[in-house]
Each structure stands twice: as structure tokens, then as C-alpha cells.
Amino acid sequence: MAVATPAPATSAKVTPTRAPVREEPAPGPETGATKIMKWKDGRQAVFMLEFDDSCETDIKNVIPELKKRGMVGTFYINPGNGPFKNKQGAWEKDVAAAGMEMGNHTFTHSHALNVADFESELTLCTDEINKCYPDRKQPRLISYGPPGGIPKEKWLVSKDEVNASLAKLHLIERPSFYGPPIHMKGAAEVMKVVDFALSKGEMGHLDFHGVGGDWLVTPMDWFLPLLDKLDANRDLLWITDPISWHKYLTERKASEVKVLAADARQIRIQLASTTDPALYDSPLTLATRVPQDWKECQVTQGSSSSTAQAVSGIVRYSALPGTEPISLQPAK
């Protein structure tokens, strides 16, 4: 999985700026030519905001600012620890309602002397996450962030055992921790991660503990300029969570487009995939070449139907891989 991780930069006061647009190459010139867009909705790059340890400042400082901007954050919780319990009502009722995601950071952020210990910590945490999202199907993929700072003598589960347990419990390990104040020392360095992701067209992410308080603190005057930077570039960035990114990337790599038929009246496309549709159930964004006189298209897949505008003979739309064929026709 490609992850954009820049080298440290010097700290300085920075005004949020907008990145240049890099257009993704169009599909071929023939009618019906179709490609899977690299990122959802044809965005230039991906960015994820992740927060560890159920910090109380997540509730006080972070979520209100994210909600104000319509952005998602992923919060890696430890339901068996004091910080979560101190704000348990807010975690269980308000976080999901605000449009945020939760990840598994183990139940108590403690040791794992054997596989049974490890799987118990994971299962108890997942049970709490599912409690907070009662309408979501089970099983489903949930993001896992390994707890840090545990002495080696208290973590006796091997990497192979960890991977086997994660697969068994439908957990996907996130990219390695990278964030302030450990890896960067000012707002300029924090925002440079966004520029790097955009320049590479890949996924960038930042991981936090306390924001404006708690521990391993990121000051608010580092955090708020970062959100302003993301906001200034939100039409170029897919600001999302680790599972949505993982699903899209995995499905994109495992999917293949085949044009079944294409003429002036209809285009039919098959989007095949080798992923498990029970777990990998997110739509991909496709771009298809249509006749120049098609200004608006009716896109149908199974019982789902929508309209999409054609721009310069290209129409973009969402489709589920591995299901029914897709039909495109000029809208009446």
C-alpha cells in the first residue's frame, strides 16, 4: 500500500495554501473505454486523521472542529481505560452521530502475553465499537492501531500471530504511526504532510494523541491550521478513514473492467473483482468515454440507477465491483 511519508521540515508559521491540480489521464478515445479512477470521485490524493487512546480532548477539542468542517476522523479507543470511561456517554452516543469512525486500539492498551490475551483485548474493544454503531452489519472490517509504549517483556505475541488474529477478527492494521509531536515540531511540518500527499497523488495521514491537552500534546495552533489546509484543498483530497481507503485500494487493485457492448444508444460494462463482496462492499469510481452528444447519462447497475453529467465526452460514476453489469444510456 502506497503511503506518502515526507521527511521532516523546518518549523515556521504557515498560511494554508491550495495545491495545483493534477488531472488524471482520461480513458481511451473509443466509445465505451473505461478506467477505474485511482481515488474516490477522481480526487488527486487521500488524507486520513487518526487519534489514539480515547483522549478526552478528542471529545472537547477535536470532534467539534471536525464536525464544523464536515470532516471525518478515526478515533482508536481503549474502552477499558479511564479516559474512555470518563466520557463514555459521549463516546457511545455522540461520536458516531457526529459522523466519526472508531478503530480498535485494544481494550486496555495493555500487554499480550499470549494469543488468547491478545484476542480477548481485540474482541472486547470490537464489541464496544459495534455497540456504538448498532445499525452496521457484522462482521465488517474495522481498523486496528497497535498500542505503543509496551515493554517487550510484556508483549509476547509474534508478528505472525498478530496477523493471524487480525485476519480472524476482521481487523485491518492501519499505516504505521506518524504524527506530532513525535515526528514533527510545528505547524509548518504538520501541514507539509498534506502537500506531500498531494504532490505524490497518494495517501497521507497524521496520527495524534492529545490535541490541546492530555498527553503527547499537539497544540491547537498546530491543529487548526492543518484543518484549514485540508479545507482549502478538499476538492483535491479524499478526506476519509483507514477502512474506506483500504477497501477502495484493495478493490481497485483486484478489479478489472470489460466493455460488453458500446454504440450510440447504450454502453454496457462489467466490473469484475476477486475480493470478498461480504467485506469489500464499497463502490469504485469509474470514468467512461461516451458519445459527444451525450450530455447527461443514465447509469444503471441492478436495481440502482442515477444520472451523471458528461464533461468533454467523459462521464464519472460509482459502481460496485463483482456484481451486475453497468448500463449507460443518454438520459431522456
Protein backbone atom coordinates (compact mmCIF):
# COMPACT_ATOMS: atom_id res chain seq x y z
CA MET A 1 0.00 0.00 0.00
CA ALA A 2 1.48 3.33 -1.02
CA VAL A 3 1.76 5.80 1.84
CA ALA A 4 3.07 9.34 1.49
CA THR A 5 5.52 9.99 4.35
CA PRO A 6 7.72 13.08 3.89
CA ALA A 7 11.00 13.89 5.55
CA PRO A 8 10.82 16.34 8.48
CA ALA A 9 10.70 20.02 7.55
CA THR A 10 11.71 23.09 9.46
CA SER A 11 9.06 24.68 11.67
CA ALA A 12 7.60 28.00 10.58
CA LYS A 13 4.38 29.96 10.59
CA VAL A 14 2.45 28.86 7.51
CA THR A 15 -0.66 30.18 5.80
CA PRO A 16 -2.78 27.34 4.37
CA THR A 17 -2.45 27.20 0.58
CA ARG A 18 -4.14 25.38 -2.27
CA ALA A 19 -2.21 22.75 -4.19
CA PRO A 20 -2.04 22.67 -8.01
CA VAL A 21 -4.49 20.34 -9.75
CA ARG A 22 -3.03 17.29 -11.48
CA GLU A 23 -5.56 15.78 -13.87
CA GLU A 24 -5.77 12.01 -14.01
CA PRO A 25 -5.35 10.65 -17.56
CA ALA A 26 -8.66 10.14 -19.37
CA PRO A 27 -9.82 6.74 -20.67
CA GLY A 28 -9.05 5.86 -24.29
CA PRO A 29 -10.66 7.65 -27.26
CA GLU A 30 -13.06 4.88 -28.31
CA THR A 31 -16.69 4.89 -27.15
CA GLY A 32 -17.06 2.77 -24.01
CA ALA A 33 -13.40 2.98 -22.97
CA THR A 34 -13.48 2.84 -19.17
CA LYS A 35 -10.95 3.18 -16.39
CA ILE A 36 -11.13 2.87 -12.61
CA MET A 37 -10.20 6.19 -11.04
CA LYS A 38 -7.22 5.99 -8.71
CA TRP A 39 -9.17 7.51 -5.81
CA LYS A 40 -12.83 8.00 -4.99
CA ASP A 41 -14.59 10.68 -7.07
CA GLY A 42 -11.37 11.22 -9.02
CA ARG A 43 -9.66 13.01 -6.14
CA GLN A 44 -5.96 13.76 -6.53
CA ALA A 45 -4.88 12.20 -3.21
CA VAL A 46 -6.14 10.79 0.08
CA PHE A 47 -5.78 12.07 3.62
CA MET A 48 -6.66 10.50 6.97
CA LEU A 49 -6.77 11.92 10.50
CA GLU A 50 -6.34 9.39 13.33
CA PHE A 51 -6.48 9.85 17.11
CA ASP A 52 -5.27 7.38 19.74
CA ASP A 53 -6.07 6.44 23.34
CA SER A 54 -9.62 7.82 23.76
CA CYS A 55 -8.21 11.19 24.85
CA GLU A 56 -10.75 13.47 26.49
CA THR A 57 -9.57 16.29 24.23
CA ASP A 58 -10.97 14.27 21.32
CA ILE A 59 -14.42 14.97 22.71
CA LYS A 60 -13.69 18.53 23.84
CA ASN A 61 -11.48 19.91 21.07
CA VAL A 62 -11.16 17.62 18.06
CA ILE A 63 -14.63 16.38 17.17
CA PRO A 64 -16.31 19.83 17.32
CA GLU A 65 -13.71 21.22 14.90
CA LEU A 66 -14.03 18.25 12.53
CA LYS A 67 -17.81 18.39 12.64
CA LYS A 68 -17.76 22.14 11.93
CA ARG A 69 -15.85 21.44 8.71
CA GLY A 70 -17.69 18.26 7.71
CA MET A 71 -14.53 16.14 8.05
CA VAL A 72 -14.14 12.63 9.36
CA GLY A 73 -11.63 11.48 11.98
CA THR A 74 -10.90 7.96 13.20
CA PHE A 75 -10.61 7.50 16.96
CA TYR A 76 -8.72 4.47 18.26
CA ILE A 77 -10.36 3.70 21.57
CA ASN A 78 -9.43 1.78 24.73
CA PRO A 79 -12.86 1.17 26.31
CA GLY A 80 -11.39 -0.47 29.42
CA ASN A 81 -9.34 2.57 30.43
CA GLY A 82 -10.16 5.68 32.45
CA PRO A 83 -10.16 8.32 29.67
CA PHE A 84 -12.85 6.42 27.75
CA LYS A 85 -14.88 5.68 30.88
CA ASN A 86 -14.74 9.34 31.95
CA LYS A 87 -16.56 10.30 28.73
CA GLN A 88 -18.29 7.01 28.00
CA GLY A 89 -21.68 8.57 27.35
CA ALA A 90 -20.21 10.91 24.74
CA TRP A 91 -18.18 8.13 23.11
CA GLU A 92 -21.19 5.84 22.85
CA LYS A 93 -23.77 8.40 21.74
CA ASP A 94 -22.14 11.45 20.21
CA VAL A 95 -19.09 10.29 18.24
CA ALA A 96 -20.88 8.16 15.66
CA ALA A 97 -23.71 10.71 15.48
CA ALA A 98 -21.11 13.33 14.51
CA GLY A 99 -20.03 11.20 11.53
CA MET A 100 -16.78 9.97 13.07
CA GLU A 101 -15.23 6.50 12.93
CA MET A 102 -13.77 4.34 15.69
CA GLY A 103 -10.81 1.99 15.50
CA ASN A 104 -9.61 -0.86 17.69
CA HIS A 105 -6.67 0.10 19.93
CA THR A 106 -7.19 -2.90 22.25
CA PHE A 107 -9.45 -2.85 25.29
CA THR A 108 -6.93 -1.65 27.89
CA HIS A 109 -3.80 -0.65 25.91
CA SER A 110 -2.01 -3.35 27.90
CA HIS A 111 0.25 -6.38 27.47
CA ALA A 112 -0.36 -9.51 25.39
CA LEU A 113 1.49 -12.46 26.92
CA ASN A 114 -0.18 -14.92 24.53
CA VAL A 115 -2.63 -15.10 21.64
CA ALA A 116 -5.59 -15.61 23.97
CA ASP A 117 -4.76 -12.37 25.83
CA PHE A 118 -4.38 -10.51 22.56
CA GLU A 119 -7.61 -11.77 21.02
CA SER A 120 -9.53 -11.02 24.22
CA GLU A 121 -8.28 -7.41 24.13
CA LEU A 122 -9.29 -7.10 20.50
CA THR A 123 -12.69 -8.73 20.90
CA LEU A 124 -13.72 -6.64 23.91
CA CYS A 125 -12.76 -3.46 22.04
CA THR A 126 -14.62 -4.50 18.88
CA ASP A 127 -17.70 -5.33 20.98
CA GLU A 128 -17.72 -1.75 22.28
CA ILE A 129 -17.25 -0.32 18.78
CA ASN A 130 -20.17 -2.38 17.48
CA LYS A 131 -22.26 -1.13 20.38
CA CYS A 132 -21.60 2.43 19.19
CA TYR A 133 -22.70 1.58 15.62
CA PRO A 134 -25.72 -0.69 16.15
CA ASP A 135 -27.01 -0.27 12.57
CA ARG A 136 -23.86 -1.57 10.89
CA LYS A 137 -23.63 -5.13 9.66
CA GLN A 138 -21.44 -7.72 11.31
CA PRO A 139 -18.89 -8.97 10.59
CA ARG A 140 -17.30 -5.98 8.92
CA LEU A 141 -13.78 -4.65 8.58
CA ILE A 142 -12.56 -2.45 11.45
CA SER A 143 -9.28 -0.54 11.61
CA TYR A 144 -6.67 -1.66 14.14
CA GLY A 145 -3.99 0.60 15.64
CA PRO A 146 -1.40 -1.29 17.70
CA PRO A 147 -0.83 0.14 21.20
CA GLY A 148 2.60 1.70 21.62
CA GLY A 149 4.94 2.03 24.55
CA ILE A 150 4.52 -1.54 25.86
CA PRO A 151 7.77 -3.18 27.10
CA LYS A 152 8.95 -6.14 25.03
CA GLU A 153 8.77 -8.46 28.03
CA LYS A 154 5.03 -7.75 28.26
CA TRP A 155 4.29 -8.24 24.54
CA LEU A 156 4.98 -11.86 23.69
CA VAL A 157 2.78 -12.26 20.61
CA SER A 158 4.76 -12.58 17.38
CA LYS A 159 4.01 -10.58 14.25
CA ASP A 160 2.73 -13.71 12.52
CA GLU A 161 0.40 -14.40 15.45
CA VAL A 162 -0.79 -10.79 15.39
CA ASN A 163 -1.55 -11.01 11.67
CA ALA A 164 -3.44 -14.30 12.10
CA SER A 165 -5.55 -12.84 14.92
CA LEU A 166 -6.33 -9.69 12.94
CA ALA A 167 -7.46 -11.74 9.93
CA LYS A 168 -9.59 -13.98 12.14
CA LEU A 169 -11.33 -10.98 13.73
CA HIS A 170 -11.72 -8.91 10.52
CA LEU A 171 -9.30 -6.20 11.65
CA ILE A 172 -7.05 -4.27 9.24
CA GLU A 173 -3.85 -2.76 10.61
CA ARG A 174 -3.50 0.91 9.79
CA PRO A 175 -0.31 2.51 8.40
CA SER A 176 2.48 2.98 10.95
CA PHE A 177 2.03 5.77 13.48
CA TYR A 178 3.26 9.12 12.14
CA GLY A 179 2.40 12.41 13.74
CA PRO A 180 3.15 15.28 16.09
CA PRO A 181 4.77 15.99 18.46
CA ILE A 182 6.89 12.85 17.97
CA HIS A 183 7.76 13.19 14.29
CA MET A 184 7.23 16.93 13.74
CA LYS A 185 7.68 20.02 15.87
CA GLY A 186 5.48 22.75 14.42
CA ALA A 187 2.50 23.69 12.27
CA ALA A 188 4.65 24.03 9.14
CA GLU A 189 5.89 20.44 9.42
CA VAL A 190 2.37 19.17 10.11
CA MET A 191 0.91 20.84 7.03
CA LYS A 192 3.79 19.72 4.84
CA VAL A 193 2.41 16.17 5.10
CA VAL A 194 -0.68 17.36 3.19
CA ASP A 195 1.46 18.94 0.45
CA PHE A 196 3.49 15.74 0.14
CA ALA A 197 0.40 13.55 -0.28
CA LEU A 198 -0.95 15.89 -2.97
CA SER A 199 2.35 16.05 -4.83
CA LYS A 200 2.61 12.24 -4.92
CA GLY A 201 -1.07 11.56 -5.53
CA GLU A 202 -1.04 9.03 -2.73
CA MET A 203 -2.39 8.57 0.80
CA GLY A 204 -1.10 10.78 3.59
CA HIS A 205 -2.06 10.54 7.24
CA LEU A 206 -1.38 12.08 10.62
CA ASP A 207 -1.79 10.39 13.99
CA PHE A 208 -2.41 12.27 17.23
CA HIS A 209 -2.77 11.72 20.94
CA GLY A 210 -3.93 14.75 22.90
CA VAL A 211 -4.92 17.88 20.98
CA GLY A 212 -4.81 21.00 23.12
CA GLY A 213 -4.32 18.87 26.26
CA ASP A 214 -3.93 15.35 27.70
CA TRP A 215 -0.57 13.77 26.73
CA LEU A 216 1.84 13.84 23.78
CA VAL A 217 0.09 17.10 23.06
CA THR A 218 -0.44 18.67 19.65
CA PRO A 219 -1.16 22.38 20.30
CA MET A 220 -4.35 23.81 18.88
CA ASP A 221 -2.31 26.36 16.91
CA TRP A 222 -0.76 23.43 15.04
CA PHE A 223 -4.01 21.52 14.63
CA LEU A 224 -6.36 24.24 13.42
CA PRO A 225 -4.08 25.40 10.55
CA LEU A 226 -3.91 21.75 9.46
CA LEU A 227 -7.71 21.58 9.26
CA ASP A 228 -7.74 24.88 7.35
CA LYS A 229 -5.17 23.44 4.94
CA LEU A 230 -7.30 20.36 4.36
CA ASP A 231 -10.37 22.52 3.88
CA ALA A 232 -8.58 24.68 1.30
CA ASN A 233 -7.79 21.54 -0.72
CA ARG A 234 -10.86 19.42 -0.08
CA ASP A 235 -11.86 19.29 -3.76
CA LEU A 236 -8.48 17.66 -4.44
CA LEU A 237 -8.39 15.42 -1.35
CA TRP A 238 -10.47 12.45 -0.37
CA ILE A 239 -10.54 13.02 3.39
CA THR A 240 -11.54 9.64 4.73
CA ASP A 241 -10.92 6.86 7.25
CA PRO A 242 -8.49 3.91 7.05
CA ILE A 243 -11.12 1.26 6.27
CA SER A 244 -12.69 3.25 3.43
CA TRP A 245 -9.21 3.87 1.99
CA HIS A 246 -8.22 0.22 2.43
CA LYS A 247 -11.40 -1.04 0.79
CA TYR A 248 -11.09 1.27 -2.21
CA LEU A 249 -7.40 0.49 -2.73
CA THR A 250 -7.91 -3.27 -2.35
CA GLU A 251 -10.95 -3.36 -4.63
CA ARG A 252 -9.27 -1.17 -7.24
CA LYS A 253 -6.25 -3.48 -7.42
CA ALA A 254 -8.45 -6.58 -7.56
CA SER A 255 -10.94 -5.31 -10.16
CA GLU A 256 -11.00 -5.39 -13.94
CA VAL A 257 -13.22 -3.52 -16.38
CA LYS A 258 -14.57 -5.17 -19.52
CA VAL A 259 -16.69 -3.39 -22.14
CA LEU A 260 -19.50 -5.75 -23.11
CA ALA A 261 -21.09 -3.51 -25.76
CA ALA A 262 -20.82 0.10 -26.90
CA ASP A 263 -22.73 2.04 -29.52
CA ALA A 264 -24.57 5.35 -29.92
CA ARG A 265 -27.53 4.11 -27.84
CA GLN A 266 -26.03 2.14 -24.95
CA ILE A 267 -22.78 1.15 -23.28
CA ARG A 268 -22.59 -1.99 -21.14
CA ILE A 269 -19.69 -2.65 -18.78
CA GLN A 270 -18.70 -5.48 -16.46
CA LEU A 271 -16.68 -4.60 -13.34
CA ALA A 272 -15.26 -7.91 -12.08
CA SER A 273 -13.42 -8.33 -8.77
CA THR A 274 -11.66 -11.07 -6.82
CA THR A 275 -12.42 -9.52 -3.40
CA ASP A 276 -14.92 -10.95 -0.92
CA PRO A 277 -18.12 -8.93 -1.52
CA ALA A 278 -19.29 -9.56 2.05
CA LEU A 279 -16.39 -7.45 3.38
CA TYR A 280 -15.32 -5.40 0.37
CA ASP A 281 -18.57 -3.67 -0.46
CA SER A 282 -17.60 -0.11 -1.36
CA PRO A 283 -18.27 1.36 -4.80
CA LEU A 284 -15.42 2.34 -7.09
CA THR A 285 -15.40 5.47 -9.23
CA LEU A 286 -15.32 4.77 -12.97
CA ALA A 287 -14.75 7.10 -15.92
CA THR A 288 -16.24 6.10 -19.28
CA ARG A 289 -15.92 7.65 -22.74
CA VAL A 290 -19.38 8.34 -24.17
CA PRO A 291 -20.57 9.86 -27.48
CA GLN A 292 -20.08 13.63 -27.59
CA ASP A 293 -23.83 14.28 -27.88
CA TRP A 294 -24.48 12.56 -24.53
CA LYS A 295 -24.69 15.49 -22.13
CA GLU A 296 -26.31 13.59 -19.26
CA CYS A 297 -26.22 9.84 -18.73
CA GLN A 298 -28.47 7.36 -17.00
CA VAL A 299 -26.26 4.89 -15.11
CA THR A 300 -27.90 1.64 -14.05
CA GLN A 301 -26.50 -1.31 -12.11
CA GLY A 302 -29.01 -3.85 -10.89
CA SER A 303 -31.79 -2.00 -9.06
CA SER A 304 -29.66 1.12 -8.62
CA SER A 305 -29.99 4.00 -11.07
CA SER A 306 -28.62 7.54 -11.15
CA THR A 307 -27.84 10.34 -13.57
CA ALA A 308 -24.39 11.77 -14.20
CA GLN A 309 -23.17 14.69 -16.29
CA ALA A 310 -20.84 14.07 -19.20
CA VAL A 311 -17.94 16.53 -19.44
CA SER A 312 -15.93 16.60 -22.68
CA GLY A 313 -17.24 13.15 -23.55
CA ILE A 314 -16.34 11.60 -20.18
CA VAL A 315 -18.82 10.55 -17.51
CA ARG A 316 -17.78 9.65 -13.95
CA TYR A 317 -19.95 7.47 -11.74
CA SER A 318 -19.87 4.95 -8.90
CA ALA A 319 -20.32 1.19 -9.33
CA LEU A 320 -19.95 -1.88 -7.14
CA PRO A 321 -17.35 -4.37 -8.33
CA GLY A 322 -18.22 -8.01 -8.73
CA THR A 323 -21.98 -7.51 -9.10
CA GLU A 324 -24.37 -6.83 -12.00
CA PRO A 325 -23.23 -5.26 -15.28
CA ILE A 326 -23.40 -1.48 -15.63
CA SER A 327 -25.52 0.15 -18.31
CA LEU A 328 -25.02 3.73 -19.56
CA GLN A 329 -27.54 5.46 -21.79
CA PRO A 330 -28.24 9.07 -22.71
CA ALA A 331 -30.69 10.46 -20.17
CA LYS A 332 -34.15 11.19 -21.56
